[in-house]
Amino acid sequence: MAKSVEVLSEVSGSVWKVLVQPGQAVAEGDVLVIVESMKMEIPVEAPCNGVLTSLSCEEGKPVREGDVVALVEAA
């Protein structure tokens, strides 16, 4: 049975860019979202190989450290 893995934002800031969409296959280390914080771009990476099942952030919207930004169904 596949396991859903939460992808968390490591910093507080705003979502600068979303690089994937639900249903897309991802590999461990792929950048899913870029968060802008204090004029730095922080990549949020896939923690494992799998399929992105949901995205819970939008470009231009704020996120806090520890917020779930996506779910990946582990392969």
C-alpha atoms as a PDB file:
ATOM      1  CA  MET A   1       0.000   0.000   0.000  1.00  0.00           C
ATOM      2  CA  ALA A   2       1.329   3.438  -0.964  1.00  0.00           C
ATOM      3  CA  LYS A   3       2.047   5.911   1.796  1.00  0.00           C
ATOM      4  CA  SER A   4       1.239   9.635   1.608  1.00  0.00           C
ATOM      5  CA  VAL A   5       4.140  11.833   2.669  1.00  0.00           C
ATOM      6  CA  GLU A   6       3.598  15.443   3.773  1.00  0.00           C
ATOM      7  CA  VAL A   7       5.896  18.028   2.221  1.00  0.00           C
ATOM      8  CA  LEU A   8       6.519  20.896   4.657  1.00  0.00           C
ATOM      9  CA  SER A   9       7.765  24.437   4.168  1.00  0.00           C
ATOM     10  CA  GLU A  10      11.050  24.903   6.007  1.00  0.00           C
ATOM     11  CA  VAL A  11      10.613  28.679   6.288  1.00  0.00           C
ATOM     12  CA  SER A  12       7.937  31.348   6.574  1.00  0.00           C
ATOM     13  CA  GLY A  13       7.485  33.511   3.501  1.00  0.00           C
ATOM     14  CA  SER A  14       5.394  33.662   0.360  1.00  0.00           C
ATOM     15  CA  VAL A  15       5.092  31.115  -2.417  1.00  0.00           C
ATOM     16  CA  TRP A  16       7.098  32.530  -5.300  1.00  0.00           C
ATOM     17  CA  LYS A  17       6.703  29.700  -7.800  1.00  0.00           C
ATOM     18  CA  VAL A  18       4.843  26.378  -8.039  1.00  0.00           C
ATOM     19  CA  LEU A  19       6.706  23.987 -10.352  1.00  0.00           C
ATOM     20  CA  VAL A  20       4.458  20.888 -10.275  1.00  0.00           C
ATOM     21  CA  GLN A  21       0.792  19.968 -10.521  1.00  0.00           C
ATOM     22  CA  PRO A  22      -1.247  17.169  -8.878  1.00  0.00           C
ATOM     23  CA  GLY A  23      -0.904  13.881 -10.733  1.00  0.00           C
ATOM     24  CA  GLN A  24       2.664  14.606 -11.788  1.00  0.00           C
ATOM     25  CA  ALA A  25       5.391  12.035 -11.058  1.00  0.00           C
ATOM     26  CA  VAL A  26       8.219  13.404  -8.910  1.00  0.00           C
ATOM     27  CA  ALA A  27      11.624  12.089  -7.885  1.00  0.00           C
ATOM     28  CA  GLU A  28      13.316  12.551  -4.529  1.00  0.00           C
ATOM     29  CA  GLY A  29      15.000  15.967  -4.551  1.00  0.00           C
ATOM     30  CA  ASP A  30      12.815  17.485  -7.302  1.00  0.00           C
ATOM     31  CA  VAL A  31      11.903  21.089  -6.494  1.00  0.00           C
ATOM     32  CA  LEU A  32       8.128  21.330  -6.048  1.00  0.00           C
ATOM     33  CA  VAL A  33       7.696  24.897  -4.806  1.00  0.00           C
ATOM     34  CA  ILE A  34       9.947  27.896  -4.275  1.00  0.00           C
ATOM     35  CA  VAL A  35       9.285  30.020  -1.185  1.00  0.00           C
ATOM     36  CA  GLU A  36      10.597  33.597  -1.060  1.00  0.00           C
ATOM     37  CA  SER A  37      11.735  34.628   2.402  1.00  0.00           C
ATOM     38  CA  MET A  38      13.819  37.687   3.262  1.00  0.00           C
ATOM     39  CA  LYS A  39      14.701  38.148  -0.442  1.00  0.00           C
ATOM     40  CA  MET A  40      16.016  34.574  -0.668  1.00  0.00           C
ATOM     41  CA  GLU A  41      14.485  31.805  -2.779  1.00  0.00           C
ATOM     42  CA  ILE A  42      14.141  28.603  -0.750  1.00  0.00           C
ATOM     43  CA  PRO A  43      13.343  25.404  -2.701  1.00  0.00           C
ATOM     44  CA  VAL A  44      10.888  22.910  -1.212  1.00  0.00           C
ATOM     45  CA  GLU A  45      11.904  19.459  -2.493  1.00  0.00           C
ATOM     46  CA  ALA A  46      10.136  16.134  -2.848  1.00  0.00           C
ATOM     47  CA  PRO A  47      11.174  13.903   0.073  1.00  0.00           C
ATOM     48  CA  CYS A  48      10.764  10.702  -1.971  1.00  0.00           C
ATOM     49  CA  ASN A  49       9.916   9.275  -5.384  1.00  0.00           C
ATOM     50  CA  GLY A  50       6.199   9.156  -6.119  1.00  0.00           C
ATOM     51  CA  VAL A  51       3.227  11.075  -7.450  1.00  0.00           C
ATOM     52  CA  LEU A  52       2.104  14.504  -6.256  1.00  0.00           C
ATOM     53  CA  THR A  53      -1.432  13.902  -5.000  1.00  0.00           C
ATOM     54  CA  SER A  54      -2.297  17.390  -3.748  1.00  0.00           C
ATOM     55  CA  LEU A  55      -0.946  20.899  -3.542  1.00  0.00           C
ATOM     56  CA  SER A  56      -2.032  23.114  -0.651  1.00  0.00           C
ATOM     57  CA  CYS A  57      -0.359  26.401  -1.580  1.00  0.00           C
ATOM     58  CA  GLU A  58      -0.674  29.020  -4.309  1.00  0.00           C
ATOM     59  CA  GLU A  59       1.760  31.431  -5.922  1.00  0.00           C
ATOM     60  CA  GLY A  60       1.783  34.773  -4.109  1.00  0.00           C
ATOM     61  CA  LYS A  61       0.173  33.372  -0.943  1.00  0.00           C
ATOM     62  CA  PRO A  62       1.923  33.248   2.438  1.00  0.00           C
ATOM     63  CA  VAL A  63       3.145  30.047   4.093  1.00  0.00           C
ATOM     64  CA  ARG A  64       4.533  29.506   7.567  1.00  0.00           C
ATOM     65  CA  GLU A  65       7.374  27.290   8.674  1.00  0.00           C
ATOM     66  CA  GLY A  66       5.981  23.778   9.084  1.00  0.00           C
ATOM     67  CA  ASP A  67       2.931  24.301   6.851  1.00  0.00           C
ATOM     68  CA  VAL A  68       2.052  21.361   4.609  1.00  0.00           C
ATOM     69  CA  VAL A  69       2.486  22.584   1.020  1.00  0.00           C
ATOM     70  CA  ALA A  70       1.931  19.262  -0.782  1.00  0.00           C
ATOM     71  CA  LEU A  71       1.301  15.536  -0.427  1.00  0.00           C
ATOM     72  CA  VAL A  72       3.317  12.925  -2.309  1.00  0.00           C
ATOM     73  CA  GLU A  73       2.164   9.313  -2.632  1.00  0.00           C
ATOM     74  CA  ALA A  74       5.400   7.411  -2.186  1.00  0.00           C
ATOM     75  CA  ALA A  75       6.309   4.904  -4.898  1.00  0.00           C
END
